[in-house]
Amino acid sequence: MRTDNRRVKYLTLLALVVGSGLGLLSATQTWFTIQVRDVADHAGTVTVAGSAAAPALTALSLAGLALTAALAIAGPVFRIVLALLGILLGVSIVYSALAVLGDPLQAASAAITSATGVAGEASLRKLVQSTTTEFWPWIAVVGGVLVAVAGALAIVFLRAWPGPSRKYQARFAGEDGRSAEEALAGLDGAAEAEQPEEAAEAGDEREAREAAESDAPAEPAALDRDTAIDSWDELSRGDDPTR
């Protein structure tokens, strides 16, 4: 069952990539070949690329490719938003291509004006002899349909869609094989255990210092006042009071 879920995910992402790629490829190809009459020495054929006929097609296709990468790693809630965005992108691609197919001259007007110098819709319609439509606009339509279908599949198989792989996620482990979370928890516990020990050591040092101060010999008592006066008198007479 898990294999089937992964297959659905990969097929959905593949449809997104292929659809966006087809839209991007078709934008670089020729969509229309237009034959024009002689006007100021400008005669012959005017080719119109998809990027000129449907300017939004390139941006929409690139957005579809970016959506593929985002959808591959998104969670369930964000995946719904991305899937809806994929449907919107697909519909926009289809609309851009079909709008051009509906009025090729309007889409090619800028290219014709650039080639002949003639402007204005009425003048351009008189100038154009024939218009040949290539198959590339239909390739863009197919690409848009694939993108929209991929977005719908992402919503339909939302619960069956497997989450992002953890294979390449960074994992940190200590020398003993413990995970980073376990190692951090152990450090916190060790720090808490060291705090009472440090407090006990500080108390022992304080008691030892107080005991050492209490055992120190007391300072000799001050000499009696009379004794001090007698000693001073003897010194004054030249006698040594210490004899």
C-alpha atoms as a PDB file:
ATOM      1  CA  MET A   1       0.000   0.000   0.000  1.00  0.00           C
ATOM      2  CA  ARG A   2       2.842   2.358   0.821  1.00  0.00           C
ATOM      3  CA  THR A   3       4.393   1.643  -2.575  1.00  0.00           C
ATOM      4  CA  ASP A   4       1.115   2.541  -4.294  1.00  0.00           C
ATOM      5  CA  ASN A   5       0.964   5.822  -2.373  1.00  0.00           C
ATOM      6  CA  ARG A   6       4.467   6.708  -3.450  1.00  0.00           C
ATOM      7  CA  ARG A   7       3.599   5.821  -7.027  1.00  0.00           C
ATOM      8  CA  VAL A   8       0.659   8.226  -6.943  1.00  0.00           C
ATOM      9  CA  LYS A   9       2.904  10.965  -5.560  1.00  0.00           C
ATOM     10  CA  TYR A  10       5.583  10.446  -8.187  1.00  0.00           C
ATOM     11  CA  LEU A  11       3.067  10.282 -11.025  1.00  0.00           C
ATOM     12  CA  THR A  12       1.495  13.531  -9.835  1.00  0.00           C
ATOM     13  CA  LEU A  13       4.853  15.270  -9.673  1.00  0.00           C
ATOM     14  CA  LEU A  14       5.790  13.822 -13.058  1.00  0.00           C
ATOM     15  CA  ALA A  15       2.574  15.177 -14.583  1.00  0.00           C
ATOM     16  CA  LEU A  16       3.409  18.607 -13.181  1.00  0.00           C
ATOM     17  CA  VAL A  17       6.922  18.531 -14.601  1.00  0.00           C
ATOM     18  CA  VAL A  18       5.828  17.265 -18.015  1.00  0.00           C
ATOM     19  CA  GLY A  19       2.919  19.706 -18.266  1.00  0.00           C
ATOM     20  CA  SER A  20       5.040  22.690 -17.253  1.00  0.00           C
ATOM     21  CA  GLY A  21       7.826  21.553 -19.550  1.00  0.00           C
ATOM     22  CA  LEU A  22       5.466  21.287 -22.511  1.00  0.00           C
ATOM     23  CA  GLY A  23       4.180  24.795 -21.858  1.00  0.00           C
ATOM     24  CA  LEU A  24       7.707  26.168 -21.577  1.00  0.00           C
ATOM     25  CA  LEU A  25       8.846  24.343 -24.714  1.00  0.00           C
ATOM     26  CA  SER A  26       5.891  25.488 -26.780  1.00  0.00           C
ATOM     27  CA  ALA A  27       6.546  29.103 -25.771  1.00  0.00           C
ATOM     28  CA  THR A  28       9.905  28.942 -27.560  1.00  0.00           C
ATOM     29  CA  GLN A  29       8.481  27.546 -30.805  1.00  0.00           C
ATOM     30  CA  THR A  30       6.693  29.116 -33.772  1.00  0.00           C
ATOM     31  CA  TRP A  31       2.934  29.233 -33.364  1.00  0.00           C
ATOM     32  CA  PHE A  32       1.871  31.122 -36.478  1.00  0.00           C
ATOM     33  CA  THR A  33       3.256  31.728 -39.939  1.00  0.00           C
ATOM     34  CA  ILE A  34       1.631  34.770 -41.563  1.00  0.00           C
ATOM     35  CA  GLN A  35       1.830  35.792 -45.219  1.00  0.00           C
ATOM     36  CA  VAL A  36       1.586  39.568 -45.763  1.00  0.00           C
ATOM     37  CA  ARG A  37       1.178  41.712 -48.873  1.00  0.00           C
ATOM     38  CA  ASP A  38       3.797  44.070 -50.218  1.00  0.00           C
ATOM     39  CA  VAL A  39       4.003  47.169 -48.032  1.00  0.00           C
ATOM     40  CA  ALA A  40       6.968  49.525 -48.324  1.00  0.00           C
ATOM     41  CA  ASP A  41       9.232  46.759 -49.572  1.00  0.00           C
ATOM     42  CA  HIS A  42       8.127  44.505 -46.695  1.00  0.00           C
ATOM     43  CA  ALA A  43       6.663  41.345 -48.127  1.00  0.00           C
ATOM     44  CA  GLY A  44       6.797  37.684 -47.371  1.00  0.00           C
ATOM     45  CA  THR A  45       6.421  35.713 -44.171  1.00  0.00           C
ATOM     46  CA  VAL A  46       6.121  36.781 -40.547  1.00  0.00           C
ATOM     47  CA  THR A  47       6.671  34.116 -37.890  1.00  0.00           C
ATOM     48  CA  VAL A  48       5.184  34.493 -34.435  1.00  0.00           C
ATOM     49  CA  ALA A  49       6.671  32.595 -31.484  1.00  0.00           C
ATOM     50  CA  GLY A  50       4.622  31.384 -28.574  1.00  0.00           C
ATOM     51  CA  SER A  51       6.317  33.808 -26.184  1.00  0.00           C
ATOM     52  CA  ALA A  52       5.133  36.701 -28.374  1.00  0.00           C
ATOM     53  CA  ALA A  53       1.641  35.343 -28.977  1.00  0.00           C
ATOM     54  CA  ALA A  54       1.050  34.373 -25.314  1.00  0.00           C
ATOM     55  CA  PRO A  55       3.485  36.378 -23.141  1.00  0.00           C
ATOM     56  CA  ALA A  56       2.162  34.904 -19.886  1.00  0.00           C
ATOM     57  CA  LEU A  57       2.838  31.319 -20.948  1.00  0.00           C
ATOM     58  CA  THR A  58       6.522  31.316 -19.999  1.00  0.00           C
ATOM     59  CA  ALA A  59       5.892  32.700 -16.520  1.00  0.00           C
ATOM     60  CA  LEU A  60       3.032  30.272 -15.895  1.00  0.00           C
ATOM     61  CA  SER A  61       5.152  27.303 -16.979  1.00  0.00           C
ATOM     62  CA  LEU A  62       8.058  28.328 -14.753  1.00  0.00           C
ATOM     63  CA  ALA A  63       5.635  28.696 -11.856  1.00  0.00           C
ATOM     64  CA  GLY A  64       4.466  25.139 -12.515  1.00  0.00           C
ATOM     65  CA  LEU A  65       8.036  23.831 -12.256  1.00  0.00           C
ATOM     66  CA  ALA A  66       8.569  25.698  -8.988  1.00  0.00           C
ATOM     67  CA  LEU A  67       5.270  24.313  -7.733  1.00  0.00           C
ATOM     68  CA  THR A  68       6.547  20.781  -8.323  1.00  0.00           C
ATOM     69  CA  ALA A  69       9.464  21.260  -5.946  1.00  0.00           C
ATOM     70  CA  ALA A  70       7.274  22.890  -3.299  1.00  0.00           C
ATOM     71  CA  LEU A  71       4.604  20.206  -3.535  1.00  0.00           C
ATOM     72  CA  ALA A  72       7.157  17.431  -3.075  1.00  0.00           C
ATOM     73  CA  ILE A  73       8.102  18.611   0.430  1.00  0.00           C
ATOM     74  CA  ALA A  74       4.885  20.302   1.594  1.00  0.00           C
ATOM     75  CA  GLY A  75       2.796  19.136   4.529  1.00  0.00           C
ATOM     76  CA  PRO A  76      -0.890  18.170   4.267  1.00  0.00           C
ATOM     77  CA  VAL A  77      -2.351  21.643   4.860  1.00  0.00           C
ATOM     78  CA  PHE A  78       0.066  23.529   2.656  1.00  0.00           C
ATOM     79  CA  ARG A  79      -0.296  20.801   0.031  1.00  0.00           C
ATOM     80  CA  ILE A  80      -3.969  21.697  -0.437  1.00  0.00           C
ATOM     81  CA  VAL A  81      -3.054  25.324  -1.112  1.00  0.00           C
ATOM     82  CA  LEU A  82      -0.368  24.296  -3.597  1.00  0.00           C
ATOM     83  CA  ALA A  83      -2.701  21.837  -5.318  1.00  0.00           C
ATOM     84  CA  LEU A  84      -5.334  24.542  -5.788  1.00  0.00           C
ATOM     85  CA  LEU A  85      -2.626  26.803  -7.141  1.00  0.00           C
ATOM     86  CA  GLY A  86      -1.630  24.045  -9.575  1.00  0.00           C
ATOM     87  CA  ILE A  87      -5.194  23.780 -10.857  1.00  0.00           C
ATOM     88  CA  LEU A  88      -5.281  27.550 -11.324  1.00  0.00           C
ATOM     89  CA  LEU A  89      -1.972  27.493 -13.201  1.00  0.00           C
ATOM     90  CA  GLY A  90      -3.170  24.715 -15.492  1.00  0.00           C
ATOM     91  CA  VAL A  91      -6.399  26.532 -16.302  1.00  0.00           C
ATOM     92  CA  SER A  92      -4.447  29.736 -16.975  1.00  0.00           C
ATOM     93  CA  ILE A  93      -2.104  27.949 -19.391  1.00  0.00           C
ATOM     94  CA  VAL A  94      -5.030  26.431 -21.268  1.00  0.00           C
ATOM     95  CA  TYR A  95      -6.821  29.778 -21.399  1.00  0.00           C
ATOM     96  CA  SER A  96      -3.709  31.575 -22.708  1.00  0.00           C
ATOM     97  CA  ALA A  97      -3.285  29.089 -25.547  1.00  0.00           C
ATOM     98  CA  LEU A  98      -6.962  28.901 -26.509  1.00  0.00           C
ATOM     99  CA  ALA A  99      -7.324  32.698 -26.467  1.00  0.00           C
ATOM    100  CA  VAL A 100      -4.508  32.944 -28.992  1.00  0.00           C
ATOM    101  CA  LEU A 101      -6.016  30.232 -31.165  1.00  0.00           C
ATOM    102  CA  GLY A 102      -9.320  32.088 -31.135  1.00  0.00           C
ATOM    103  CA  ASP A 103      -7.794  35.227 -32.691  1.00  0.00           C
ATOM    104  CA  PRO A 104      -4.332  34.614 -34.180  1.00  0.00           C
ATOM    105  CA  LEU A 105      -4.168  38.031 -35.840  1.00  0.00           C
ATOM    106  CA  GLN A 106      -4.687  39.847 -32.552  1.00  0.00           C
ATOM    107  CA  ALA A 107      -1.953  37.771 -30.932  1.00  0.00           C
ATOM    108  CA  ALA A 108       0.404  38.360 -33.874  1.00  0.00           C
ATOM    109  CA  SER A 109      -0.316  42.076 -34.294  1.00  0.00           C
ATOM    110  CA  ALA A 110       2.817  43.193 -32.448  1.00  0.00           C
ATOM    111  CA  ALA A 111       5.048  40.933 -34.557  1.00  0.00           C
ATOM    112  CA  ILE A 112       3.411  42.089 -37.813  1.00  0.00           C
ATOM    113  CA  THR A 113       3.717  45.754 -36.856  1.00  0.00           C
ATOM    114  CA  SER A 114       7.386  45.237 -35.978  1.00  0.00           C
ATOM    115  CA  ALA A 115       8.036  43.593 -39.368  1.00  0.00           C
ATOM    116  CA  THR A 116       6.017  45.923 -41.609  1.00  0.00           C
ATOM    117  CA  GLY A 117       5.595  49.157 -39.687  1.00  0.00           C
ATOM    118  CA  VAL A 118       1.827  48.990 -40.147  1.00  0.00           C
ATOM    119  CA  ALA A 119      -0.335  49.458 -37.058  1.00  0.00           C
ATOM    120  CA  GLY A 120      -4.036  49.287 -36.360  1.00  0.00           C
ATOM    121  CA  GLU A 121      -6.277  46.246 -36.401  1.00  0.00           C
ATOM    122  CA  ALA A 122      -8.142  47.193 -39.598  1.00  0.00           C
ATOM    123  CA  SER A 123      -4.913  47.881 -41.493  1.00  0.00           C
ATOM    124  CA  LEU A 124      -3.352  44.646 -40.322  1.00  0.00           C
ATOM    125  CA  ARG A 125      -6.336  42.584 -41.394  1.00  0.00           C
ATOM    126  CA  LYS A 126      -6.100  44.085 -44.885  1.00  0.00           C
ATOM    127  CA  LEU A 127      -2.382  43.415 -44.933  1.00  0.00           C
ATOM    128  CA  VAL A 128      -2.529  39.730 -43.977  1.00  0.00           C
ATOM    129  CA  GLN A 129      -3.055  37.298 -46.827  1.00  0.00           C
ATOM    130  CA  SER A 130      -3.048  34.021 -44.908  1.00  0.00           C
ATOM    131  CA  THR A 131      -2.311  32.596 -41.486  1.00  0.00           C
ATOM    132  CA  THR A 132      -0.924  29.132 -40.813  1.00  0.00           C
ATOM    133  CA  THR A 133      -1.311  27.758 -37.289  1.00  0.00           C
ATOM    134  CA  GLU A 134       1.297  25.285 -36.075  1.00  0.00           C
ATOM    135  CA  PHE A 135       0.624  22.468 -33.601  1.00  0.00           C
ATOM    136  CA  TRP A 136       2.546  24.077 -30.731  1.00  0.00           C
ATOM    137  CA  PRO A 137      -0.421  25.984 -29.282  1.00  0.00           C
ATOM    138  CA  TRP A 138      -2.156  22.635 -28.839  1.00  0.00           C
ATOM    139  CA  ILE A 139       0.935  21.290 -27.081  1.00  0.00           C
ATOM    140  CA  ALA A 140       0.570  24.161 -24.634  1.00  0.00           C
ATOM    141  CA  VAL A 141      -3.077  23.199 -24.118  1.00  0.00           C
ATOM    142  CA  VAL A 142      -2.047  19.621 -23.347  1.00  0.00           C
ATOM    143  CA  GLY A 143       0.565  20.883 -20.901  1.00  0.00           C
ATOM    144  CA  GLY A 144      -1.990  23.044 -19.121  1.00  0.00           C
ATOM    145  CA  VAL A 145      -4.386  20.119 -18.823  1.00  0.00           C
ATOM    146  CA  LEU A 146      -1.634  17.969 -17.292  1.00  0.00           C
ATOM    147  CA  VAL A 147      -0.817  20.655 -14.729  1.00  0.00           C
ATOM    148  CA  ALA A 148      -4.482  21.027 -13.752  1.00  0.00           C
ATOM    149  CA  VAL A 149      -4.971  17.257 -13.512  1.00  0.00           C
ATOM    150  CA  ALA A 150      -1.867  16.944 -11.329  1.00  0.00           C
ATOM    151  CA  GLY A 151      -3.262  19.557  -8.951  1.00  0.00           C
ATOM    152  CA  ALA A 152      -6.564  17.687  -8.772  1.00  0.00           C
ATOM    153  CA  LEU A 153      -4.768  14.393  -8.062  1.00  0.00           C
ATOM    154  CA  ALA A 154      -2.851  15.997  -5.208  1.00  0.00           C
ATOM    155  CA  ILE A 155      -6.176  16.916  -3.585  1.00  0.00           C
ATOM    156  CA  VAL A 156      -7.924  13.597  -4.273  1.00  0.00           C
ATOM    157  CA  PHE A 157      -5.055  11.544  -2.827  1.00  0.00           C
ATOM    158  CA  LEU A 158      -4.301  13.956  -0.011  1.00  0.00           C
ATOM    159  CA  ARG A 159      -4.502  11.356   2.784  1.00  0.00           C
ATOM    160  CA  ALA A 160      -2.666   8.695   0.815  1.00  0.00           C
ATOM    161  CA  TRP A 161       0.154  11.038  -0.142  1.00  0.00           C
ATOM    162  CA  PRO A 162       3.308  10.094   1.812  1.00  0.00           C
ATOM    163  CA  GLY A 163       5.130  12.826   3.674  1.00  0.00           C
ATOM    164  CA  PRO A 164       8.602  14.103   2.837  1.00  0.00           C
ATOM    165  CA  SER A 165      11.441  11.629   3.253  1.00  0.00           C
ATOM    166  CA  ARG A 166      13.703  11.923   6.303  1.00  0.00           C
ATOM    167  CA  LYS A 167      16.574  10.166   4.564  1.00  0.00           C
ATOM    168  CA  TYR A 168      18.610  13.281   3.944  1.00  0.00           C
ATOM    169  CA  GLN A 169      17.692  15.205   7.070  1.00  0.00           C
ATOM    170  CA  ALA A 170      20.638  16.104   9.287  1.00  0.00           C
ATOM    171  CA  ARG A 171      20.919  13.918  12.349  1.00  0.00           C
ATOM    172  CA  PHE A 172      23.331  14.581  15.209  1.00  0.00           C
ATOM    173  CA  ALA A 173      24.373  11.834  17.593  1.00  0.00           C
ATOM    174  CA  GLY A 174      26.867  11.671  20.385  1.00  0.00           C
ATOM    175  CA  GLU A 175      29.789   9.265  20.679  1.00  0.00           C
ATOM    176  CA  ASP A 176      27.622   6.866  22.664  1.00  0.00           C
ATOM    177  CA  GLY A 177      25.000   6.770  19.875  1.00  0.00           C
ATOM    178  CA  ARG A 178      22.434   8.932  21.639  1.00  0.00           C
ATOM    179  CA  SER A 179      20.456  11.472  19.651  1.00  0.00           C
ATOM    180  CA  ALA A 180      21.009  15.202  20.047  1.00  0.00           C
ATOM    181  CA  GLU A 181      17.819  15.566  22.102  1.00  0.00           C
ATOM    182  CA  GLU A 182      18.877  12.815  24.505  1.00  0.00           C
ATOM    183  CA  ALA A 183      22.364  14.284  24.830  1.00  0.00           C
ATOM    184  CA  LEU A 184      20.971  17.732  25.632  1.00  0.00           C
ATOM    185  CA  ALA A 185      18.594  16.244  28.194  1.00  0.00           C
ATOM    186  CA  GLY A 186      21.541  14.472  29.828  1.00  0.00           C
ATOM    187  CA  LEU A 187      23.529  17.712  29.991  1.00  0.00           C
ATOM    188  CA  ASP A 188      20.623  19.505  31.642  1.00  0.00           C
ATOM    189  CA  GLY A 189      20.306  16.742  34.230  1.00  0.00           C
ATOM    190  CA  ALA A 190      24.040  16.802  34.945  1.00  0.00           C
ATOM    191  CA  ALA A 191      23.980  20.585  35.381  1.00  0.00           C
ATOM    192  CA  GLU A 192      21.102  20.334  37.854  1.00  0.00           C
ATOM    193  CA  ALA A 193      22.942  17.601  39.790  1.00  0.00           C
ATOM    194  CA  GLU A 194      26.138  19.681  39.984  1.00  0.00           C
ATOM    195  CA  GLN A 195      24.384  22.675  41.546  1.00  0.00           C
ATOM    196  CA  PRO A 196      23.765  21.018  44.993  1.00  0.00           C
ATOM    197  CA  GLU A 197      27.332  19.667  44.964  1.00  0.00           C
ATOM    198  CA  GLU A 198      28.765  23.132  44.302  1.00  0.00           C
ATOM    199  CA  ALA A 199      26.638  24.574  47.123  1.00  0.00           C
ATOM    200  CA  ALA A 200      27.870  21.869  49.527  1.00  0.00           C
ATOM    201  CA  GLU A 201      31.515  22.507  48.566  1.00  0.00           C
ATOM    202  CA  ALA A 202      31.073  26.245  49.124  1.00  0.00           C
ATOM    203  CA  GLY A 203      29.599  25.544  52.589  1.00  0.00           C
ATOM    204  CA  ASP A 204      32.519  23.249  53.497  1.00  0.00           C
ATOM    205  CA  GLU A 205      35.059  25.886  52.446  1.00  0.00           C
ATOM    206  CA  ARG A 206      33.308  28.532  54.546  1.00  0.00           C
ATOM    207  CA  GLU A 207      33.283  26.269  57.645  1.00  0.00           C
ATOM    208  CA  ALA A 208      36.968  25.411  57.180  1.00  0.00           C
ATOM    209  CA  ARG A 209      37.883  29.094  56.891  1.00  0.00           C
ATOM    210  CA  GLU A 210      35.933  29.933  60.081  1.00  0.00           C
ATOM    211  CA  ALA A 211      37.606  27.060  61.940  1.00  0.00           C
ATOM    212  CA  ALA A 212      41.053  28.236  60.839  1.00  0.00           C
ATOM    213  CA  GLU A 213      40.320  31.761  62.027  1.00  0.00           C
ATOM    214  CA  SER A 214      39.103  30.488  65.421  1.00  0.00           C
ATOM    215  CA  ASP A 215      42.278  28.374  65.914  1.00  0.00           C
ATOM    216  CA  ALA A 216      44.652  31.273  65.138  1.00  0.00           C
ATOM    217  CA  PRO A 217      46.554  32.592  68.227  1.00  0.00           C
ATOM    218  CA  ALA A 218      45.110  35.693  69.753  1.00  0.00           C
ATOM    219  CA  GLU A 219      47.077  38.919  69.595  1.00  0.00           C
ATOM    220  CA  PRO A 220      49.167  39.671  72.711  1.00  0.00           C
ATOM    221  CA  ALA A 221      47.416  41.832  75.209  1.00  0.00           C
ATOM    222  CA  ALA A 222      48.300  45.440  75.294  1.00  0.00           C
ATOM    223  CA  LEU A 223      50.881  46.451  77.894  1.00  0.00           C
ATOM    224  CA  ASP A 224      49.646  47.933  81.058  1.00  0.00           C
ATOM    225  CA  ARG A 225      49.696  51.725  81.096  1.00  0.00           C
ATOM    226  CA  ASP A 226      52.021  51.931  84.073  1.00  0.00           C
ATOM    227  CA  THR A 227      54.426  49.393  82.622  1.00  0.00           C
ATOM    228  CA  ALA A 228      54.587  51.379  79.428  1.00  0.00           C
ATOM    229  CA  ILE A 229      55.350  54.595  81.385  1.00  0.00           C
ATOM    230  CA  ASP A 230      58.127  52.899  83.417  1.00  0.00           C
ATOM    231  CA  SER A 231      59.699  51.545  80.263  1.00  0.00           C
ATOM    232  CA  TRP A 232      59.677  54.992  78.740  1.00  0.00           C
ATOM    233  CA  ASP A 233      61.309  56.504  81.845  1.00  0.00           C
ATOM    234  CA  GLU A 234      64.078  53.909  81.807  1.00  0.00           C
ATOM    235  CA  LEU A 235      64.758  54.668  78.175  1.00  0.00           C
ATOM    236  CA  SER A 236      64.941  58.336  79.017  1.00  0.00           C
ATOM    237  CA  ARG A 237      67.646  57.641  81.675  1.00  0.00           C
ATOM    238  CA  GLY A 238      69.605  55.544  79.245  1.00  0.00           C
ATOM    239  CA  ASP A 239      68.746  52.205  80.849  1.00  0.00           C
ATOM    240  CA  ASP A 240      67.652  49.188  78.857  1.00  0.00           C
ATOM    241  CA  PRO A 241      64.258  48.054  80.201  1.00  0.00           C
ATOM    242  CA  THR A 242      64.663  44.630  78.640  1.00  0.00           C
ATOM    243  CA  ARG A 243      67.548  43.668  80.938  1.00  0.00           C
END
